[in-house]
Amino acid sequence: MRALAVARRADPSIRIGLIVTASTGDLRRLDVDLLVVDSRLASSRFLARATAAGLPVTVWNVSDADQFTQLALRGVSGVITPDVEPMRVRLIELGKLDGIERLLLAVRSRLLGR
């Protein structure tokens, strides 16, 4: 964390992200602009805590468009994936949905466990 403080002092305008490998402690105490986590850590609870702390979350280890859909519906703001094209197509599809359609998709996803 010391290196992050040095970077913040060197250039306060630079966005600082923290790669998180385990979720512990109060996220509001972190002096970072975003969190980067393995998709397995991006539970609804973790995302709610990050949102409450004002921290966008980017995930890695996303293997397919259905997994991306679930994460996007839960509030993930970014994704790191080797399969860019299917995620881009899915993002465009999700962007065309209205609020009710997104809600129905989220409920369907939750009921089917996907």
N, C-alpha and C. Protein backbone atom coordinates (compact mmCIF):
# COMPACT_ATOMS: atom_id res chain seq x y z
N MET A 1 0.83 -1.20 0.00
CA MET A 1 0.00 0.00 0.00
C MET A 1 0.87 1.26 0.00
N ARG A 2 2.08 1.13 0.48
CA ARG A 2 2.98 2.28 0.51
C ARG A 2 3.25 2.80 -0.90
N ALA A 3 3.43 1.88 -1.85
CA ALA A 3 3.69 2.27 -3.24
C ALA A 3 2.51 3.04 -3.82
N LEU A 4 1.29 2.66 -3.44
CA LEU A 4 0.11 3.37 -3.92
C LEU A 4 0.08 4.80 -3.40
N ALA A 5 0.47 4.98 -2.15
CA ALA A 5 0.52 6.33 -1.57
C ALA A 5 1.57 7.18 -2.28
N VAL A 6 2.70 6.59 -2.62
CA VAL A 6 3.75 7.31 -3.35
C VAL A 6 3.23 7.72 -4.72
N ALA A 7 2.55 6.81 -5.41
CA ALA A 7 2.00 7.11 -6.74
C ALA A 7 0.96 8.22 -6.64
N ARG A 8 0.12 8.18 -5.62
CA ARG A 8 -0.93 9.19 -5.44
C ARG A 8 -0.30 10.57 -5.23
N ARG A 9 0.76 10.63 -4.42
CA ARG A 9 1.43 11.92 -4.18
C ARG A 9 2.14 12.42 -5.43
N ALA A 10 2.71 11.50 -6.20
CA ALA A 10 3.46 11.89 -7.40
C ALA A 10 2.55 12.50 -8.45
N ASP A 11 1.35 11.96 -8.60
CA ASP A 11 0.41 12.48 -9.59
C ASP A 11 -1.01 12.21 -9.11
N PRO A 12 -1.62 13.16 -8.40
CA PRO A 12 -2.96 12.95 -7.85
C PRO A 12 -4.04 12.70 -8.91
N SER A 13 -3.75 13.04 -10.17
CA SER A 13 -4.76 12.84 -11.21
C SER A 13 -4.79 11.42 -11.77
N ILE A 14 -3.76 10.65 -11.49
CA ILE A 14 -3.69 9.29 -12.02
C ILE A 14 -4.68 8.38 -11.29
N ARG A 15 -5.37 7.53 -12.06
CA ARG A 15 -6.30 6.57 -11.45
C ARG A 15 -5.50 5.39 -10.91
N ILE A 16 -5.77 5.02 -9.69
CA ILE A 16 -5.04 3.94 -9.05
C ILE A 16 -5.99 2.78 -8.79
N GLY A 17 -5.59 1.61 -9.26
CA GLY A 17 -6.36 0.40 -9.03
C GLY A 17 -5.59 -0.54 -8.13
N LEU A 18 -6.32 -1.34 -7.40
CA LEU A 18 -5.71 -2.32 -6.51
C LEU A 18 -6.17 -3.70 -6.94
N ILE A 19 -5.21 -4.60 -7.18
CA ILE A 19 -5.53 -5.98 -7.49
C ILE A 19 -5.79 -6.68 -6.16
N VAL A 20 -7.01 -7.19 -6.02
CA VAL A 20 -7.44 -7.81 -4.76
C VAL A 20 -7.49 -9.33 -4.94
N THR A 21 -6.82 -10.04 -4.03
CA THR A 21 -6.83 -11.50 -4.10
C THR A 21 -7.65 -12.12 -2.98
N ALA A 22 -7.98 -11.31 -1.98
CA ALA A 22 -8.84 -11.77 -0.88
C ALA A 22 -9.58 -10.56 -0.35
N SER A 23 -10.82 -10.76 0.03
CA SER A 23 -11.65 -9.66 0.52
C SER A 23 -11.61 -9.62 2.04
N THR A 24 -10.94 -8.62 2.56
CA THR A 24 -10.89 -8.44 4.00
C THR A 24 -10.89 -6.96 4.31
N GLY A 25 -11.46 -6.62 5.44
CA GLY A 25 -11.41 -5.24 5.90
C GLY A 25 -12.42 -4.32 5.26
N ASP A 26 -12.28 -3.06 5.60
CA ASP A 26 -13.19 -2.01 5.16
C ASP A 26 -12.67 -1.39 3.87
N LEU A 27 -13.39 -1.60 2.78
CA LEU A 27 -12.95 -1.09 1.48
C LEU A 27 -12.87 0.42 1.45
N ARG A 28 -13.64 1.10 2.29
CA ARG A 28 -13.64 2.57 2.30
C ARG A 28 -12.32 3.13 2.79
N ARG A 29 -11.50 2.32 3.43
CA ARG A 29 -10.22 2.79 3.95
C ARG A 29 -9.13 2.79 2.88
N LEU A 30 -9.41 2.21 1.74
CA LEU A 30 -8.41 2.14 0.67
C LEU A 30 -8.37 3.45 -0.10
N ASP A 31 -7.18 3.95 -0.35
CA ASP A 31 -7.03 5.16 -1.15
C ASP A 31 -6.76 4.76 -2.61
N VAL A 32 -7.78 4.14 -3.22
CA VAL A 32 -7.68 3.71 -4.61
C VAL A 32 -8.95 4.15 -5.34
N ASP A 33 -8.88 4.11 -6.67
CA ASP A 33 -10.01 4.53 -7.49
C ASP A 33 -10.84 3.37 -8.03
N LEU A 34 -10.25 2.17 -8.06
CA LEU A 34 -10.97 1.00 -8.53
C LEU A 34 -10.32 -0.26 -8.00
N LEU A 35 -11.09 -1.35 -8.03
CA LEU A 35 -10.60 -2.65 -7.60
C LEU A 35 -10.58 -3.59 -8.79
N VAL A 36 -9.59 -4.45 -8.84
CA VAL A 36 -9.48 -5.47 -9.88
C VAL A 36 -9.42 -6.80 -9.17
N VAL A 37 -10.40 -7.68 -9.44
CA VAL A 37 -10.50 -8.94 -8.70
C VAL A 37 -10.73 -10.11 -9.65
N ASP A 38 -10.37 -11.29 -9.18
CA ASP A 38 -10.72 -12.52 -9.88
C ASP A 38 -12.24 -12.61 -9.87
N SER A 39 -12.83 -13.07 -10.95
CA SER A 39 -14.30 -13.11 -11.05
C SER A 39 -14.94 -13.92 -9.93
N ARG A 40 -14.21 -14.88 -9.37
CA ARG A 40 -14.77 -15.69 -8.28
C ARG A 40 -14.97 -14.90 -7.00
N LEU A 41 -14.28 -13.77 -6.87
CA LEU A 41 -14.46 -12.90 -5.69
C LEU A 41 -15.61 -11.91 -5.88
N ALA A 42 -16.12 -11.78 -7.09
CA ALA A 42 -17.13 -10.76 -7.39
C ALA A 42 -18.53 -11.24 -7.02
N SER A 43 -18.70 -11.58 -5.76
CA SER A 43 -20.01 -11.98 -5.27
C SER A 43 -20.90 -10.74 -5.15
N SER A 44 -22.18 -10.96 -5.02
CA SER A 44 -23.10 -9.84 -4.85
C SER A 44 -22.73 -9.03 -3.61
N ARG A 45 -22.34 -9.71 -2.55
CA ARG A 45 -21.96 -9.02 -1.30
C ARG A 45 -20.71 -8.15 -1.51
N PHE A 46 -19.69 -8.72 -2.15
CA PHE A 46 -18.48 -7.96 -2.40
C PHE A 46 -18.77 -6.74 -3.26
N LEU A 47 -19.56 -6.94 -4.33
CA LEU A 47 -19.89 -5.83 -5.22
C LEU A 47 -20.70 -4.75 -4.50
N ALA A 48 -21.59 -5.15 -3.60
CA ALA A 48 -22.37 -4.18 -2.82
C ALA A 48 -21.44 -3.36 -1.92
N ARG A 49 -20.47 -4.03 -1.31
CA ARG A 49 -19.52 -3.31 -0.45
C ARG A 49 -18.67 -2.34 -1.27
N ALA A 50 -18.22 -2.79 -2.44
CA ALA A 50 -17.41 -1.92 -3.30
C ALA A 50 -18.23 -0.72 -3.76
N THR A 51 -19.47 -0.96 -4.15
CA THR A 51 -20.35 0.13 -4.59
C THR A 51 -20.56 1.13 -3.46
N ALA A 52 -20.80 0.62 -2.25
CA ALA A 52 -21.00 1.51 -1.10
C ALA A 52 -19.75 2.34 -0.82
N ALA A 53 -18.58 1.80 -1.15
CA ALA A 53 -17.33 2.53 -0.96
C ALA A 53 -16.99 3.41 -2.16
N GLY A 54 -17.84 3.38 -3.20
CA GLY A 54 -17.59 4.19 -4.38
C GLY A 54 -16.48 3.66 -5.27
N LEU A 55 -16.25 2.35 -5.22
CA LEU A 55 -15.17 1.75 -5.99
C LEU A 55 -15.69 0.87 -7.12
N PRO A 56 -15.46 1.26 -8.36
CA PRO A 56 -15.82 0.39 -9.48
C PRO A 56 -14.97 -0.89 -9.42
N VAL A 57 -15.52 -1.98 -9.94
CA VAL A 57 -14.83 -3.27 -9.91
C VAL A 57 -14.65 -3.79 -11.33
N THR A 58 -13.41 -4.14 -11.65
CA THR A 58 -13.08 -4.84 -12.89
C THR A 58 -12.70 -6.26 -12.50
N VAL A 59 -13.15 -7.23 -13.29
CA VAL A 59 -12.86 -8.63 -12.99
C VAL A 59 -11.99 -9.25 -14.09
N TRP A 60 -11.23 -10.25 -13.68
CA TRP A 60 -10.50 -11.06 -14.65
C TRP A 60 -10.93 -12.51 -14.47
N ASN A 61 -10.46 -13.36 -15.36
CA ASN A 61 -10.79 -14.78 -15.31
C ASN A 61 -12.25 -15.01 -15.75
N VAL A 62 -12.68 -14.24 -16.74
CA VAL A 62 -14.03 -14.39 -17.28
C VAL A 62 -13.92 -15.25 -18.54
N SER A 63 -14.63 -16.37 -18.52
CA SER A 63 -14.42 -17.36 -19.57
C SER A 63 -15.46 -17.37 -20.69
N ASP A 64 -16.65 -16.83 -20.43
CA ASP A 64 -17.66 -16.85 -21.49
C ASP A 64 -18.66 -15.72 -21.33
N ALA A 65 -19.46 -15.52 -22.37
CA ALA A 65 -20.40 -14.39 -22.41
C ALA A 65 -21.49 -14.52 -21.34
N ASP A 66 -21.94 -15.74 -21.02
CA ASP A 66 -22.97 -15.90 -19.98
C ASP A 66 -22.43 -15.47 -18.61
N GLN A 67 -21.20 -15.85 -18.32
CA GLN A 67 -20.57 -15.42 -17.07
C GLN A 67 -20.44 -13.90 -17.05
N PHE A 68 -20.05 -13.33 -18.17
CA PHE A 68 -19.94 -11.87 -18.27
C PHE A 68 -21.29 -11.21 -18.02
N THR A 69 -22.36 -11.79 -18.58
CA THR A 69 -23.70 -11.24 -18.38
C THR A 69 -24.05 -11.18 -16.90
N GLN A 70 -23.81 -12.27 -16.19
CA GLN A 70 -24.11 -12.30 -14.76
C GLN A 70 -23.35 -11.20 -14.02
N LEU A 71 -22.07 -11.09 -14.32
CA LEU A 71 -21.24 -10.09 -13.65
C LEU A 71 -21.69 -8.66 -13.99
N ALA A 72 -22.02 -8.43 -15.25
CA ALA A 72 -22.48 -7.10 -15.66
C ALA A 72 -23.79 -6.74 -14.96
N LEU A 73 -24.69 -7.70 -14.85
CA LEU A 73 -25.97 -7.45 -14.18
C LEU A 73 -25.80 -7.18 -12.69
N ARG A 74 -24.73 -7.69 -12.11
CA ARG A 74 -24.45 -7.46 -10.69
C ARG A 74 -23.68 -6.17 -10.45
N GLY A 75 -23.26 -5.50 -11.53
CA GLY A 75 -22.65 -4.19 -11.35
C GLY A 75 -21.17 -4.10 -11.64
N VAL A 76 -20.55 -5.13 -12.18
CA VAL A 76 -19.14 -5.06 -12.54
C VAL A 76 -18.97 -4.01 -13.63
N SER A 77 -17.94 -3.20 -13.51
CA SER A 77 -17.76 -2.11 -14.47
C SER A 77 -16.78 -2.42 -15.59
N GLY A 78 -15.98 -3.48 -15.43
CA GLY A 78 -15.02 -3.82 -16.46
C GLY A 78 -14.66 -5.28 -16.40
N VAL A 79 -14.09 -5.79 -17.50
CA VAL A 79 -13.72 -7.19 -17.57
C VAL A 79 -12.40 -7.33 -18.32
N ILE A 80 -11.58 -8.26 -17.84
CA ILE A 80 -10.34 -8.61 -18.51
C ILE A 80 -10.51 -10.05 -18.98
N THR A 81 -10.41 -10.25 -20.28
CA THR A 81 -10.68 -11.56 -20.86
C THR A 81 -9.84 -11.78 -22.11
N PRO A 82 -9.49 -13.03 -22.40
CA PRO A 82 -8.81 -13.30 -23.66
C PRO A 82 -9.80 -13.39 -24.83
N ASP A 83 -11.08 -13.51 -24.53
CA ASP A 83 -12.13 -13.65 -25.54
C ASP A 83 -12.91 -12.34 -25.69
N VAL A 84 -12.29 -11.35 -26.24
CA VAL A 84 -12.85 -10.00 -26.29
C VAL A 84 -14.11 -9.91 -27.15
N GLU A 85 -14.11 -10.51 -28.31
CA GLU A 85 -15.23 -10.32 -29.23
C GLU A 85 -16.58 -10.78 -28.66
N PRO A 86 -16.69 -11.98 -28.06
CA PRO A 86 -18.00 -12.36 -27.49
C PRO A 86 -18.45 -11.42 -26.38
N MET A 87 -17.52 -10.89 -25.61
CA MET A 87 -17.88 -9.96 -24.52
C MET A 87 -18.36 -8.63 -25.10
N ARG A 88 -17.70 -8.19 -26.17
CA ARG A 88 -18.11 -6.93 -26.81
C ARG A 88 -19.51 -7.06 -27.38
N VAL A 89 -19.78 -8.18 -28.04
CA VAL A 89 -21.12 -8.42 -28.60
C VAL A 89 -22.16 -8.45 -27.49
N ARG A 90 -21.85 -9.14 -26.39
CA ARG A 90 -22.80 -9.23 -25.27
C ARG A 90 -23.03 -7.86 -24.64
N LEU A 91 -21.98 -7.07 -24.52
CA LEU A 91 -22.12 -5.73 -23.96
C LEU A 91 -23.05 -4.87 -24.81
N ILE A 92 -22.94 -4.98 -26.11
CA ILE A 92 -23.83 -4.25 -27.02
C ILE A 92 -25.27 -4.72 -26.80
N GLU A 93 -25.47 -6.05 -26.71
CA GLU A 93 -26.81 -6.60 -26.48
C GLU A 93 -27.39 -6.08 -25.17
N LEU A 94 -26.59 -6.11 -24.11
CA LEU A 94 -27.07 -5.63 -22.80
C LEU A 94 -27.41 -4.15 -22.85
N GLY A 95 -26.64 -3.38 -23.60
CA GLY A 95 -26.87 -1.96 -23.72
C GLY A 95 -28.20 -1.61 -24.38
N LYS A 96 -28.74 -2.54 -25.15
CA LYS A 96 -30.01 -2.31 -25.83
C LYS A 96 -31.22 -2.65 -24.96
N LEU A 97 -30.98 -3.27 -23.80
CA LEU A 97 -32.09 -3.66 -22.93
C LEU A 97 -32.54 -2.48 -22.07
N ASP A 98 -33.84 -2.39 -21.84
CA ASP A 98 -34.33 -1.38 -20.90
C ASP A 98 -34.26 -1.95 -19.48
N GLY A 99 -34.63 -1.17 -18.52
CA GLY A 99 -34.52 -1.57 -17.12
C GLY A 99 -35.30 -2.83 -16.78
N ILE A 100 -36.52 -2.94 -17.29
CA ILE A 100 -37.35 -4.13 -17.01
C ILE A 100 -36.72 -5.37 -17.63
N GLU A 101 -36.22 -5.25 -18.85
CA GLU A 101 -35.60 -6.38 -19.51
C GLU A 101 -34.34 -6.84 -18.77
N ARG A 102 -33.57 -5.88 -18.28
CA ARG A 102 -32.38 -6.22 -17.49
C ARG A 102 -32.77 -6.91 -16.20
N LEU A 103 -33.83 -6.43 -15.56
CA LEU A 103 -34.31 -7.05 -14.33
C LEU A 103 -34.76 -8.48 -14.59
N LEU A 104 -35.53 -8.68 -15.65
CA LEU A 104 -35.99 -10.03 -15.98
C LEU A 104 -34.82 -10.96 -16.30
N LEU A 105 -33.83 -10.45 -16.99
CA LEU A 105 -32.65 -11.25 -17.29
C LEU A 105 -31.91 -11.62 -16.01
N ALA A 106 -31.80 -10.67 -15.09
CA ALA A 106 -31.14 -10.94 -13.82
C ALA A 106 -31.90 -11.99 -13.02
N VAL A 107 -33.22 -11.90 -12.98
CA VAL A 107 -34.04 -12.88 -12.25
C VAL A 107 -33.88 -14.25 -12.89
N ARG A 108 -33.95 -14.30 -14.22
CA ARG A 108 -33.78 -15.57 -14.93
C ARG A 108 -32.43 -16.19 -14.61
N SER A 109 -31.39 -15.35 -14.65
CA SER A 109 -30.05 -15.83 -14.37
C SER A 109 -29.94 -16.37 -12.95
N ARG A 110 -30.56 -15.68 -12.01
CA ARG A 110 -30.52 -16.11 -10.61
C ARG A 110 -31.27 -17.43 -10.42
N LEU A 111 -32.44 -17.55 -11.06
CA LEU A 111 -33.23 -18.77 -10.93
C LEU A 111 -32.56 -19.99 -11.55
N LEU A 112 -31.86 -19.77 -12.65
CA LEU A 112 -31.19 -20.87 -13.33
C LEU A 112 -29.80 -21.14 -12.77
N GLY A 113 -29.36 -20.27 -11.83
CA GLY A 113 -28.05 -20.46 -11.24
C GLY A 113 -26.90 -20.17 -12.18
N ARG A 114 -27.16 -19.30 -13.15
CA ARG A 114 -26.10 -18.92 -14.09
C ARG A 114 -25.77 -17.47 -13.95
